[in-house]
Amino acid sequence: MFAGLVFGGKVLRVLKEKYEYDPVGPGQPVTMRRVCKMIRKNGGNEYDAALVFMLSQLQMLSDDTSTYPFRRKMLNRALAMGSLYTSESAVREISHLLIQYADDGGAT
């Protein structure tokens, strides 16, 4: 249990420092604990868990185009970190999502 708390703290630090995102909304702590448990069980690190958490949060946003700038901002951060910390397939998926949310034809 203690290891899970330490890992969760590391993930929270990555979310706050790298994504400038604080998961305090309803249901977010539960989602974060589940993501942390899954990623830790599969041998991932705090960057992997932060990426999976952010992707889950982006999926829960409405498909209103007003959310696209926020999505692009988060995905660009994930892509920058993804190239350093995560697998090539994750980077491809993030790139695909960036294209999907590029309503103005350019990434931010």
PDB file of N, CA and C in Angstrom:
ATOM      1  N   MET A   1       0.817  -1.190   0.000  1.00  0.00           N
ATOM      2  CA  MET A   1       0.000   0.000   0.000  1.00  0.00           C
ATOM      3  C   MET A   1       0.863   1.258   0.000  1.00  0.00           C
ATOM      4  N   PHE A   2       1.917   1.248   0.817  1.00  0.00           N
ATOM      5  CA  PHE A   2       2.795   2.415   0.892  1.00  0.00           C
ATOM      6  C   PHE A   2       3.411   2.721  -0.469  1.00  0.00           C
ATOM      7  N   ALA A   3       3.822   1.678  -1.188  1.00  0.00           N
ATOM      8  CA  ALA A   3       4.416   1.881  -2.516  1.00  0.00           C
ATOM      9  C   ALA A   3       3.417   2.534  -3.462  1.00  0.00           C
ATOM     10  N   GLY A   4       2.136   2.161  -3.329  1.00  0.00           N
ATOM     11  CA  GLY A   4       1.102   2.759  -4.167  1.00  0.00           C
ATOM     12  C   GLY A   4       0.924   4.240  -3.891  1.00  0.00           C
ATOM     13  N   LEU A   5       1.034   4.621  -2.611  1.00  0.00           N
ATOM     14  CA  LEU A   5       0.918   6.039  -2.252  1.00  0.00           C
ATOM     15  C   LEU A   5       2.101   6.839  -2.788  1.00  0.00           C
ATOM     16  N   VAL A   6       3.287   6.269  -2.680  1.00  0.00           N
ATOM     17  CA  VAL A   6       4.486   6.942  -3.200  1.00  0.00           C
ATOM     18  C   VAL A   6       4.376   7.104  -4.713  1.00  0.00           C
ATOM     19  N   PHE A   7       3.954   6.041  -5.400  1.00  0.00           N
ATOM     20  CA  PHE A   7       3.808   6.101  -6.854  1.00  0.00           C
ATOM     21  C   PHE A   7       2.762   7.148  -7.236  1.00  0.00           C
ATOM     22  N   GLY A   8       1.627   7.153  -6.536  1.00  0.00           N
ATOM     23  CA  GLY A   8       0.582   8.142  -6.804  1.00  0.00           C
ATOM     24  C   GLY A   8       1.085   9.563  -6.616  1.00  0.00           C
ATOM     25  N   GLY A   9       1.920   9.773  -5.608  1.00  0.00           N
ATOM     26  CA  GLY A   9       2.514  11.088  -5.385  1.00  0.00           C
ATOM     27  C   GLY A   9       3.418  11.509  -6.533  1.00  0.00           C
ATOM     28  N   LYS A  10       4.169  10.558  -7.063  1.00  0.00           N
ATOM     29  CA  LYS A  10       5.034  10.854  -8.215  1.00  0.00           C
ATOM     30  C   LYS A  10       4.205  11.217  -9.440  1.00  0.00           C
ATOM     31  N   VAL A  11       3.108  10.481  -9.648  1.00  0.00           N
ATOM     32  CA  VAL A  11       2.222  10.755 -10.788  1.00  0.00           C
ATOM     33  C   VAL A  11       1.604  12.141 -10.629  1.00  0.00           C
ATOM     34  N   LEU A  12       1.159  12.468  -9.440  1.00  0.00           N
ATOM     35  CA  LEU A  12       0.571  13.773  -9.175  1.00  0.00           C
ATOM     36  C   LEU A  12       1.580  14.884  -9.459  1.00  0.00           C
ATOM     37  N   ARG A  13       2.832  14.671  -9.072  1.00  0.00           N
ATOM     38  CA  ARG A  13       3.881  15.654  -9.349  1.00  0.00           C
ATOM     39  C   ARG A  13       4.063  15.865 -10.847  1.00  0.00           C
ATOM     40  N   VAL A  14       4.064  14.778 -11.623  1.00  0.00           N
ATOM     41  CA  VAL A  14       4.199  14.887 -13.083  1.00  0.00           C
ATOM     42  C   VAL A  14       3.010  15.652 -13.656  1.00  0.00           C
ATOM     43  N   LEU A  15       1.810  15.327 -13.188  1.00  0.00           N
ATOM     44  CA  LEU A  15       0.613  16.024 -13.685  1.00  0.00           C
ATOM     45  C   LEU A  15       0.687  17.525 -13.411  1.00  0.00           C
ATOM     46  N   LYS A  16       1.118  17.880 -12.207  1.00  0.00           N
ATOM     47  CA  LYS A  16       1.179  19.292 -11.829  1.00  0.00           C
ATOM     48  C   LYS A  16       2.321  20.036 -12.508  1.00  0.00           C
ATOM     49  N   GLU A  17       3.504  19.406 -12.562  1.00  0.00           N
ATOM     50  CA  GLU A  17       4.678  20.094 -13.093  1.00  0.00           C
ATOM     51  C   GLU A  17       4.766  20.067 -14.613  1.00  0.00           C
ATOM     52  N   LYS A  18       4.451  18.936 -15.215  1.00  0.00           N
ATOM     53  CA  LYS A  18       4.621  18.798 -16.658  1.00  0.00           C
ATOM     54  C   LYS A  18       3.359  19.165 -17.442  1.00  0.00           C
ATOM     55  N   TYR A  19       2.194  18.808 -16.897  1.00  0.00           N
ATOM     56  CA  TYR A  19       0.937  19.103 -17.581  1.00  0.00           C
ATOM     57  C   TYR A  19       0.262  20.363 -17.038  1.00  0.00           C
ATOM     58  N   GLU A  20       0.747  20.868 -15.907  1.00  0.00           N
ATOM     59  CA  GLU A  20       0.111  21.993 -15.227  1.00  0.00           C
ATOM     60  C   GLU A  20      -1.368  21.691 -15.002  1.00  0.00           C
ATOM     61  N   TYR A  21      -1.634  20.490 -14.481  1.00  0.00           N
ATOM     62  CA  TYR A  21      -2.985  19.992 -14.289  1.00  0.00           C
ATOM     63  C   TYR A  21      -3.095  19.379 -12.899  1.00  0.00           C
ATOM     64  N   ASP A  22      -4.143  19.756 -12.183  1.00  0.00           N
ATOM     65  CA  ASP A  22      -4.358  19.241 -10.833  1.00  0.00           C
ATOM     66  C   ASP A  22      -5.679  18.475 -10.812  1.00  0.00           C
ATOM     67  N   PRO A  23      -5.641  17.158 -10.672  1.00  0.00           N
ATOM     68  CA  PRO A  23      -6.864  16.353 -10.725  1.00  0.00           C
ATOM     69  C   PRO A  23      -7.684  16.450  -9.437  1.00  0.00           C
ATOM     70  N   VAL A  24      -8.512  17.479  -9.337  1.00  0.00           N
ATOM     71  CA  VAL A  24      -9.315  17.685  -8.135  1.00  0.00           C
ATOM     72  C   VAL A  24     -10.815  17.585  -8.396  1.00  0.00           C
ATOM     73  N   GLY A  25     -11.213  17.345  -9.636  1.00  0.00           N
ATOM     74  CA  GLY A  25     -12.631  17.270  -9.962  1.00  0.00           C
ATOM     75  C   GLY A  25     -13.284  16.006  -9.435  1.00  0.00           C
ATOM     76  N   PRO A  26     -14.621  15.972  -9.474  1.00  0.00           N
ATOM     77  CA  PRO A  26     -15.346  14.786  -9.003  1.00  0.00           C
ATOM     78  C   PRO A  26     -14.919  13.529  -9.769  1.00  0.00           C
ATOM     79  N   GLY A  27     -14.598  12.506  -9.046  1.00  0.00           N
ATOM     80  CA  GLY A  27     -14.230  11.234  -9.664  1.00  0.00           C
ATOM     81  C   GLY A  27     -12.782  11.133 -10.102  1.00  0.00           C
ATOM     82  N   GLN A  28     -12.077  12.241 -10.195  1.00  0.00           N
ATOM     83  CA  GLN A  28     -10.697  12.188 -10.681  1.00  0.00           C
ATOM     84  C   GLN A  28      -9.760  11.430  -9.747  1.00  0.00           C
ATOM     85  N   PRO A  29      -9.847  11.617  -8.425  1.00  0.00           N
ATOM     86  CA  PRO A  29      -8.951  10.839  -7.551  1.00  0.00           C
ATOM     87  C   PRO A  29      -9.148   9.329  -7.700  1.00  0.00           C
ATOM     88  N   VAL A  30     -10.387   8.897  -7.874  1.00  0.00           N
ATOM     89  CA  VAL A  30     -10.658   7.467  -8.050  1.00  0.00           C
ATOM     90  C   VAL A  30     -10.041   6.978  -9.353  1.00  0.00           C
ATOM     91  N   THR A  31     -10.247   7.737 -10.426  1.00  0.00           N
ATOM     92  CA  THR A  31      -9.672   7.375 -11.725  1.00  0.00           C
ATOM     93  C   THR A  31      -8.160   7.319 -11.634  1.00  0.00           C
ATOM     94  N   MET A  32      -7.567   8.309 -10.977  1.00  0.00           N
ATOM     95  CA  MET A  32      -6.114   8.341 -10.867  1.00  0.00           C
ATOM     96  C   MET A  32      -5.594   7.132 -10.092  1.00  0.00           C
ATOM     97  N   ARG A  33      -6.247   6.771  -8.999  1.00  0.00           N
ATOM     98  CA  ARG A  33      -5.807   5.588  -8.230  1.00  0.00           C
ATOM     99  C   ARG A  33      -5.871   4.332  -9.090  1.00  0.00           C
ATOM    100  N   ARG A  34      -6.937   4.194  -9.875  1.00  0.00           N
ATOM    101  CA  ARG A  34      -7.080   3.009 -10.728  1.00  0.00           C
ATOM    102  C   ARG A  34      -6.014   2.982 -11.817  1.00  0.00           C
ATOM    103  N   VAL A  35      -5.758   4.126 -12.428  1.00  0.00           N
ATOM    104  CA  VAL A  35      -4.719   4.200 -13.458  1.00  0.00           C
ATOM    105  C   VAL A  35      -3.359   3.875 -12.844  1.00  0.00           C
ATOM    106  N   CYS A  36      -3.063   4.463 -11.697  1.00  0.00           N
ATOM    107  CA  CYS A  36      -1.771   4.206 -11.038  1.00  0.00           C
ATOM    108  C   CYS A  36      -1.597   2.729 -10.736  1.00  0.00           C
ATOM    109  N   LYS A  37      -2.625   2.105 -10.212  1.00  0.00           N
ATOM    110  CA  LYS A  37      -2.550   0.682  -9.882  1.00  0.00           C
ATOM    111  C   LYS A  37      -2.284  -0.159 -11.124  1.00  0.00           C
ATOM    112  N   MET A  38      -3.002   0.151 -12.219  1.00  0.00           N
ATOM    113  CA  MET A  38      -2.853  -0.601 -13.464  1.00  0.00           C
ATOM    114  C   MET A  38      -1.445  -0.424 -14.054  1.00  0.00           C
ATOM    115  N   ILE A  39      -0.981   0.817 -14.109  1.00  0.00           N
ATOM    116  CA  ILE A  39       0.326   1.097 -14.718  1.00  0.00           C
ATOM    117  C   ILE A  39       1.442   0.501 -13.867  1.00  0.00           C
ATOM    118  N   ARG A  40       1.355   0.659 -12.565  1.00  0.00           N
ATOM    119  CA  ARG A  40       2.384   0.109 -11.671  1.00  0.00           C
ATOM    120  C   ARG A  40       2.440  -1.410 -11.783  1.00  0.00           C
ATOM    121  N   LYS A  41       1.278  -2.043 -11.850  1.00  0.00           N
ATOM    122  CA  LYS A  41       1.201  -3.502 -11.975  1.00  0.00           C
ATOM    123  C   LYS A  41       1.865  -3.985 -13.261  1.00  0.00           C
ATOM    124  N   ASN A  42       1.782  -3.163 -14.314  1.00  0.00           N
ATOM    125  CA  ASN A  42       2.353  -3.538 -15.606  1.00  0.00           C
ATOM    126  C   ASN A  42       3.774  -3.015 -15.811  1.00  0.00           C
ATOM    127  N   GLY A  43       4.385  -2.515 -14.736  1.00  0.00           N
ATOM    128  CA  GLY A  43       5.790  -2.112 -14.807  1.00  0.00           C
ATOM    129  C   GLY A  43       6.035  -0.728 -15.368  1.00  0.00           C
ATOM    130  N   GLY A  44       4.994   0.098 -15.480  1.00  0.00           N
ATOM    131  CA  GLY A  44       5.172   1.448 -16.004  1.00  0.00           C
ATOM    132  C   GLY A  44       5.698   2.401 -14.948  1.00  0.00           C
ATOM    133  N   ASN A  45       6.048   3.587 -15.394  1.00  0.00           N
ATOM    134  CA  ASN A  45       6.557   4.601 -14.473  1.00  0.00           C
ATOM    135  C   ASN A  45       5.534   5.728 -14.308  1.00  0.00           C
ATOM    136  N   GLU A  46       5.899   6.751 -13.548  1.00  0.00           N
ATOM    137  CA  GLU A  46       4.971   7.842 -13.271  1.00  0.00           C
ATOM    138  C   GLU A  46       4.597   8.633 -14.524  1.00  0.00           C
ATOM    139  N   TYR A  47       5.489   8.686 -15.505  1.00  0.00           N
ATOM    140  CA  TYR A  47       5.173   9.394 -16.752  1.00  0.00           C
ATOM    141  C   TYR A  47       4.136   8.620 -17.568  1.00  0.00           C
ATOM    142  N   ASP A  48       4.267   7.311 -17.576  1.00  0.00           N
ATOM    143  CA  ASP A  48       3.269   6.468 -18.238  1.00  0.00           C
ATOM    144  C   ASP A  48       1.896   6.670 -17.601  1.00  0.00           C
ATOM    145  N   ALA A  49       1.855   6.650 -16.271  1.00  0.00           N
ATOM    146  CA  ALA A  49       0.583   6.794 -15.566  1.00  0.00           C
ATOM    147  C   ALA A  49      -0.021   8.174 -15.791  1.00  0.00           C
ATOM    148  N   ALA A  50       0.802   9.212 -15.783  1.00  0.00           N
ATOM    149  CA  ALA A  50       0.294  10.566 -16.028  1.00  0.00           C
ATOM    150  C   ALA A  50      -0.277  10.668 -17.441  1.00  0.00           C
ATOM    151  N   LEU A  51       0.406  10.064 -18.397  1.00  0.00           N
ATOM    152  CA  LEU A  51      -0.070  10.084 -19.783  1.00  0.00           C
ATOM    153  C   LEU A  51      -1.409   9.366 -19.912  1.00  0.00           C
ATOM    154  N   VAL A  52      -1.520   8.188 -19.337  1.00  0.00           N
ATOM    155  CA  VAL A  52      -2.777   7.430 -19.413  1.00  0.00           C
ATOM    156  C   VAL A  52      -3.892   8.196 -18.707  1.00  0.00           C
ATOM    157  N   PHE A  53      -3.584   8.790 -17.564  1.00  0.00           N
ATOM    158  CA  PHE A  53      -4.600   9.571 -16.854  1.00  0.00           C
ATOM    159  C   PHE A  53      -5.071  10.742 -17.710  1.00  0.00           C
ATOM    160  N   MET A  54      -4.142  11.474 -18.305  1.00  0.00           N
ATOM    161  CA  MET A  54      -4.532  12.630 -19.122  1.00  0.00           C
ATOM    162  C   MET A  54      -5.347  12.197 -20.336  1.00  0.00           C
ATOM    163  N   LEU A  55      -4.970  11.103 -20.967  1.00  0.00           N
ATOM    164  CA  LEU A  55      -5.752  10.614 -22.104  1.00  0.00           C
ATOM    165  C   LEU A  55      -7.159  10.229 -21.667  1.00  0.00           C
ATOM    166  N   SER A  56      -7.291   9.647 -20.477  1.00  0.00           N
ATOM    167  CA  SER A  56      -8.628   9.300 -19.981  1.00  0.00           C
ATOM    168  C   SER A  56      -9.446  10.554 -19.723  1.00  0.00           C
ATOM    169  N   GLN A  57      -8.806  11.597 -19.217  1.00  0.00           N
ATOM    170  CA  GLN A  57      -9.527  12.849 -18.965  1.00  0.00           C
ATOM    171  C   GLN A  57      -9.953  13.518 -20.267  1.00  0.00           C
ATOM    172  N   LEU A  58      -9.093  13.466 -21.271  1.00  0.00           N
ATOM    173  CA  LEU A  58      -9.440  14.058 -22.566  1.00  0.00           C
ATOM    174  C   LEU A  58     -10.603  13.327 -23.218  1.00  0.00           C
ATOM    175  N   GLN A  59     -10.666  12.008 -23.020  1.00  0.00           N
ATOM    176  CA  GLN A  59     -11.767  11.231 -23.582  1.00  0.00           C
ATOM    177  C   GLN A  59     -13.099  11.595 -22.940  1.00  0.00           C
ATOM    178  N   MET A  60     -13.065  12.068 -21.704  1.00  0.00           N
ATOM    179  CA  MET A  60     -14.307  12.392 -21.012  1.00  0.00           C
ATOM    180  C   MET A  60     -14.834  13.786 -21.340  1.00  0.00           C
ATOM    181  N   LEU A  61     -14.035  14.609 -22.016  1.00  0.00           N
ATOM    182  CA  LEU A  61     -14.510  15.930 -22.410  1.00  0.00           C
ATOM    183  C   LEU A  61     -15.583  15.797 -23.482  1.00  0.00           C
ATOM    184  N   SER A  62     -16.449  16.781 -23.552  1.00  0.00           N
ATOM    185  CA  SER A  62     -17.440  16.778 -24.626  1.00  0.00           C
ATOM    186  C   SER A  62     -16.715  16.951 -25.953  1.00  0.00           C
ATOM    187  N   ASP A  63     -17.389  16.620 -27.031  1.00  0.00           N
ATOM    188  CA  ASP A  63     -16.763  16.750 -28.348  1.00  0.00           C
ATOM    189  C   ASP A  63     -16.994  18.137 -28.942  1.00  0.00           C
ATOM    190  N   ASP A  64     -17.318  19.083 -28.111  1.00  0.00           N
ATOM    191  CA  ASP A  64     -17.502  20.463 -28.524  1.00  0.00           C
ATOM    192  C   ASP A  64     -16.149  21.025 -28.973  1.00  0.00           C
ATOM    193  N   THR A  65     -16.136  21.722 -30.091  1.00  0.00           N
ATOM    194  CA  THR A  65     -14.869  22.252 -30.610  1.00  0.00           C
ATOM    195  C   THR A  65     -14.224  23.253 -29.652  1.00  0.00           C
ATOM    196  N   SER A  66     -14.977  23.779 -28.694  1.00  0.00           N
ATOM    197  CA  SER A  66     -14.381  24.709 -27.731  1.00  0.00           C
ATOM    198  C   SER A  66     -13.366  24.018 -26.826  1.00  0.00           C
ATOM    199  N   THR A  67     -13.424  22.687 -26.746  1.00  0.00           N
ATOM    200  CA  THR A  67     -12.455  21.953 -25.924  1.00  0.00           C
ATOM    201  C   THR A  67     -11.173  21.633 -26.694  1.00  0.00           C
ATOM    202  N   TYR A  68     -11.157  21.849 -27.995  1.00  0.00           N
ATOM    203  CA  TYR A  68     -10.002  21.481 -28.814  1.00  0.00           C
ATOM    204  C   TYR A  68      -8.714  22.189 -28.412  1.00  0.00           C
ATOM    205  N   PRO A  69      -8.723  23.501 -28.115  1.00  0.00           N
ATOM    206  CA  PRO A  69      -7.451  24.124 -27.705  1.00  0.00           C
ATOM    207  C   PRO A  69      -6.848  23.471 -26.457  1.00  0.00           C
ATOM    208  N   PHE A  70      -7.679  23.172 -25.461  1.00  0.00           N
ATOM    209  CA  PHE A  70      -7.181  22.495 -24.251  1.00  0.00           C
ATOM    210  C   PHE A  70      -6.651  21.119 -24.607  1.00  0.00           C
ATOM    211  N   ARG A  71      -7.385  20.388 -25.446  1.00  0.00           N
ATOM    212  CA  ARG A  71      -6.943  19.054 -25.852  1.00  0.00           C
ATOM    213  C   ARG A  71      -5.589  19.124 -26.561  1.00  0.00           C
ATOM    214  N   ARG A  72      -5.453  20.060 -27.490  1.00  0.00           N
ATOM    215  CA  ARG A  72      -4.183  20.190 -28.224  1.00  0.00           C
ATOM    216  C   ARG A  72      -3.035  20.524 -27.267  1.00  0.00           C
ATOM    217  N   LYS A  73      -3.302  21.433 -26.329  1.00  0.00           N
ATOM    218  CA  LYS A  73      -2.267  21.823 -25.363  1.00  0.00           C
ATOM    219  C   LYS A  73      -1.792  20.607 -24.569  1.00  0.00           C
ATOM    220  N   MET A  74      -2.718  19.829 -24.048  1.00  0.00           N
ATOM    221  CA  MET A  74      -2.364  18.652 -23.256  1.00  0.00           C
ATOM    222  C   MET A  74      -1.686  17.585 -24.115  1.00  0.00           C
ATOM    223  N   LEU A  75      -2.192  17.389 -25.333  1.00  0.00           N
ATOM    224  CA  LEU A  75      -1.599  16.376 -26.211  1.00  0.00           C
ATOM    225  C   LEU A  75      -0.193  16.766 -26.654  1.00  0.00           C
ATOM    226  N   ASN A  76       0.031  18.047 -26.897  1.00  0.00           N
ATOM    227  CA  ASN A  76       1.374  18.496 -27.252  1.00  0.00           C
ATOM    228  C   ASN A  76       2.346  18.257 -26.104  1.00  0.00           C
ATOM    229  N   ARG A  77       1.896  18.503 -24.881  1.00  0.00           N
ATOM    230  CA  ARG A  77       2.754  18.221 -23.718  1.00  0.00           C
ATOM    231  C   ARG A  77       3.015  16.722 -23.612  1.00  0.00           C
ATOM    232  N   ALA A  78       1.972  15.943 -23.832  1.00  0.00           N
ATOM    233  CA  ALA A  78       2.132  14.486 -23.772  1.00  0.00           C
ATOM    234  C   ALA A  78       3.082  14.007 -24.860  1.00  0.00           C
ATOM    235  N   LEU A  79       2.974  14.594 -26.041  1.00  0.00           N
ATOM    236  CA  LEU A  79       3.854  14.198 -27.141  1.00  0.00           C
ATOM    237  C   LEU A  79       5.301  14.541 -26.816  1.00  0.00           C
ATOM    238  N   ALA A  80       5.532  15.702 -26.255  1.00  0.00           N
ATOM    239  CA  ALA A  80       6.895  16.105 -25.897  1.00  0.00           C
ATOM    240  C   ALA A  80       7.477  15.157 -24.851  1.00  0.00           C
ATOM    241  N   MET A  81       6.676  14.805 -23.858  1.00  0.00           N
ATOM    242  CA  MET A  81       7.160  13.875 -22.838  1.00  0.00           C
ATOM    243  C   MET A  81       7.146  12.447 -23.349  1.00  0.00           C
ATOM    244  N   GLY A  82       6.173  12.128 -24.194  1.00  0.00           N
ATOM    245  CA  GLY A  82       6.054  10.777 -24.723  1.00  0.00           C
ATOM    246  C   GLY A  82       7.277  10.341 -25.490  1.00  0.00           C
ATOM    247  N   SER A  83       7.868  11.277 -26.205  1.00  0.00           N
ATOM    248  CA  SER A  83       9.054  10.911 -26.971  1.00  0.00           C
ATOM    249  C   SER A  83      10.218  10.574 -26.049  1.00  0.00           C
ATOM    250  N   LEU A  84      10.156  11.042 -24.803  1.00  0.00           N
ATOM    251  CA  LEU A  84      11.231  10.761 -23.850  1.00  0.00           C
ATOM    252  C   LEU A  84      10.955   9.557 -22.969  1.00  0.00           C
ATOM    253  N   TYR A  85       9.684   9.347 -22.606  1.00  0.00           N
ATOM    254  CA  TYR A  85       9.389   8.395 -21.545  1.00  0.00           C
ATOM    255  C   TYR A  85       8.492   7.230 -21.934  1.00  0.00           C
ATOM    256  N   THR A  86       7.803   7.298 -23.054  1.00  0.00           N
ATOM    257  CA  THR A  86       6.829   6.255 -23.363  1.00  0.00           C
ATOM    258  C   THR A  86       7.139   5.573 -24.689  1.00  0.00           C
ATOM    259  N   SER A  87       6.351   4.579 -25.002  1.00  0.00           N
ATOM    260  CA  SER A  87       6.617   3.761 -26.172  1.00  0.00           C
ATOM    261  C   SER A  87       6.310   4.487 -27.476  1.00  0.00           C
ATOM    262  N   GLU A  88       6.858   3.975 -28.553  1.00  0.00           N
ATOM    263  CA  GLU A  88       6.635   4.536 -29.881  1.00  0.00           C
ATOM    264  C   GLU A  88       5.156   4.473 -30.256  1.00  0.00           C
ATOM    265  N   SER A  89       4.464   3.408 -29.866  1.00  0.00           N
ATOM    266  CA  SER A  89       3.040   3.296 -30.206  1.00  0.00           C
ATOM    267  C   SER A  89       2.228   4.364 -29.484  1.00  0.00           C
ATOM    268  N   ALA A  90       2.608   4.712 -28.251  1.00  0.00           N
ATOM    269  CA  ALA A  90       1.906   5.779 -27.529  1.00  0.00           C
ATOM    270  C   ALA A  90       2.115   7.116 -28.220  1.00  0.00           C
ATOM    271  N   VAL A  91       3.322   7.368 -28.685  1.00  0.00           N
ATOM    272  CA  VAL A  91       3.612   8.609 -29.398  1.00  0.00           C
ATOM    273  C   VAL A  91       2.789   8.683 -30.685  1.00  0.00           C
ATOM    274  N   ARG A  92       2.659   7.567 -31.394  1.00  0.00           N
ATOM    275  CA  ARG A  92       1.829   7.552 -32.617  1.00  0.00           C
ATOM    276  C   ARG A  92       0.373   7.853 -32.296  1.00  0.00           C
ATOM    277  N   GLU A  93      -0.133   7.270 -31.214  1.00  0.00           N
ATOM    278  CA  GLU A  93      -1.532   7.506 -30.817  1.00  0.00           C
ATOM    279  C   GLU A  93      -1.756   8.970 -30.454  1.00  0.00           C
ATOM    280  N   ILE A  94      -0.826   9.561 -29.727  1.00  0.00           N
ATOM    281  CA  ILE A  94      -0.943  10.973 -29.356  1.00  0.00           C
ATOM    282  C   ILE A  94      -0.920  11.832 -30.618  1.00  0.00           C
ATOM    283  N   SER A  95      -0.025  11.521 -31.547  1.00  0.00           N
ATOM    284  CA  SER A  95       0.051  12.273 -32.802  1.00  0.00           C
ATOM    285  C   SER A  95      -1.257  12.185 -33.572  1.00  0.00           C
ATOM    286  N   HIS A  96      -1.855  10.999 -33.594  1.00  0.00           N
ATOM    287  CA  HIS A  96      -3.143  10.806 -34.262  1.00  0.00           C
ATOM    288  C   HIS A  96      -4.228  11.672 -33.612  1.00  0.00           C
ATOM    289  N   LEU A  97      -4.247  11.712 -32.287  1.00  0.00           N
ATOM    290  CA  LEU A  97      -5.237  12.527 -31.585  1.00  0.00           C
ATOM    291  C   LEU A  97      -5.022  14.012 -31.838  1.00  0.00           C
ATOM    292  N   LEU A  98      -3.770  14.444 -31.933  1.00  0.00           N
ATOM    293  CA  LEU A  98      -3.499  15.846 -32.236  1.00  0.00           C
ATOM    294  C   LEU A  98      -4.088  16.236 -33.588  1.00  0.00           C
ATOM    295  N   ILE A  99      -3.947  15.374 -34.554  1.00  0.00           N
ATOM    296  CA  ILE A  99      -4.524  15.632 -35.882  1.00  0.00           C
ATOM    297  C   ILE A  99      -6.039  15.736 -35.774  1.00  0.00           C
ATOM    298  N   GLN A 100      -6.636  14.846 -34.995  1.00  0.00           N
ATOM    299  CA  GLN A 100      -8.091  14.828 -34.829  1.00  0.00           C
ATOM    300  C   GLN A 100      -8.604  16.144 -34.245  1.00  0.00           C
ATOM    301  N   TYR A 101      -7.871  16.760 -33.317  1.00  0.00           N
ATOM    302  CA  TYR A 101      -8.333  17.954 -32.647  1.00  0.00           C
ATOM    303  C   TYR A 101      -7.760  19.239 -33.231  1.00  0.00           C
ATOM    304  N   ALA A 102      -7.102  19.151 -34.341  1.00  0.00           N
ATOM    305  CA  ALA A 102      -6.541  20.354 -34.976  1.00  0.00           C
ATOM    306  C   ALA A 102      -7.621  21.008 -35.830  1.00  0.00           C
ATOM    307  N   ASP A 103      -8.539  21.718 -35.205  1.00  0.00           N
ATOM    308  CA  ASP A 103      -9.654  22.333 -35.929  1.00  0.00           C
ATOM    309  C   ASP A 103      -9.215  23.499 -36.798  1.00  0.00           C
ATOM    310  N   ASP A 104      -8.065  24.098 -36.485  1.00  0.00           N
ATOM    311  CA  ASP A 104      -7.608  25.232 -37.266  1.00  0.00           C
ATOM    312  C   ASP A 104      -6.457  24.872 -38.197  1.00  0.00           C
ATOM    313  N   GLY A 105      -6.166  23.589 -38.306  1.00  0.00           N
ATOM    314  CA  GLY A 105      -5.117  23.133 -39.210  1.00  0.00           C
ATOM    315  C   GLY A 105      -3.722  23.238 -38.637  1.00  0.00           C
ATOM    316  N   GLY A 106      -3.559  23.754 -37.432  1.00  0.00           N
ATOM    317  CA  GLY A 106      -2.231  23.868 -36.865  1.00  0.00           C
ATOM    318  C   GLY A 106      -2.224  23.506 -35.401  1.00  0.00           C
ATOM    319  N   ALA A 107      -1.158  22.928 -34.950  1.00  0.00           N
ATOM    320  CA  ALA A 107      -1.030  22.568 -33.537  1.00  0.00           C
ATOM    321  C   ALA A 107      -0.560  23.771 -32.762  1.00  0.00           C
ATOM    322  N   THR A 108      -0.921  23.802 -31.500  1.00  0.00           N
ATOM    323  CA  THR A 108      -0.490  24.921 -30.647  1.00  0.00           C
ATOM    324  C   THR A 108       0.812  24.593 -29.958  1.00  0.00           C
TER     325      THR A 108
END
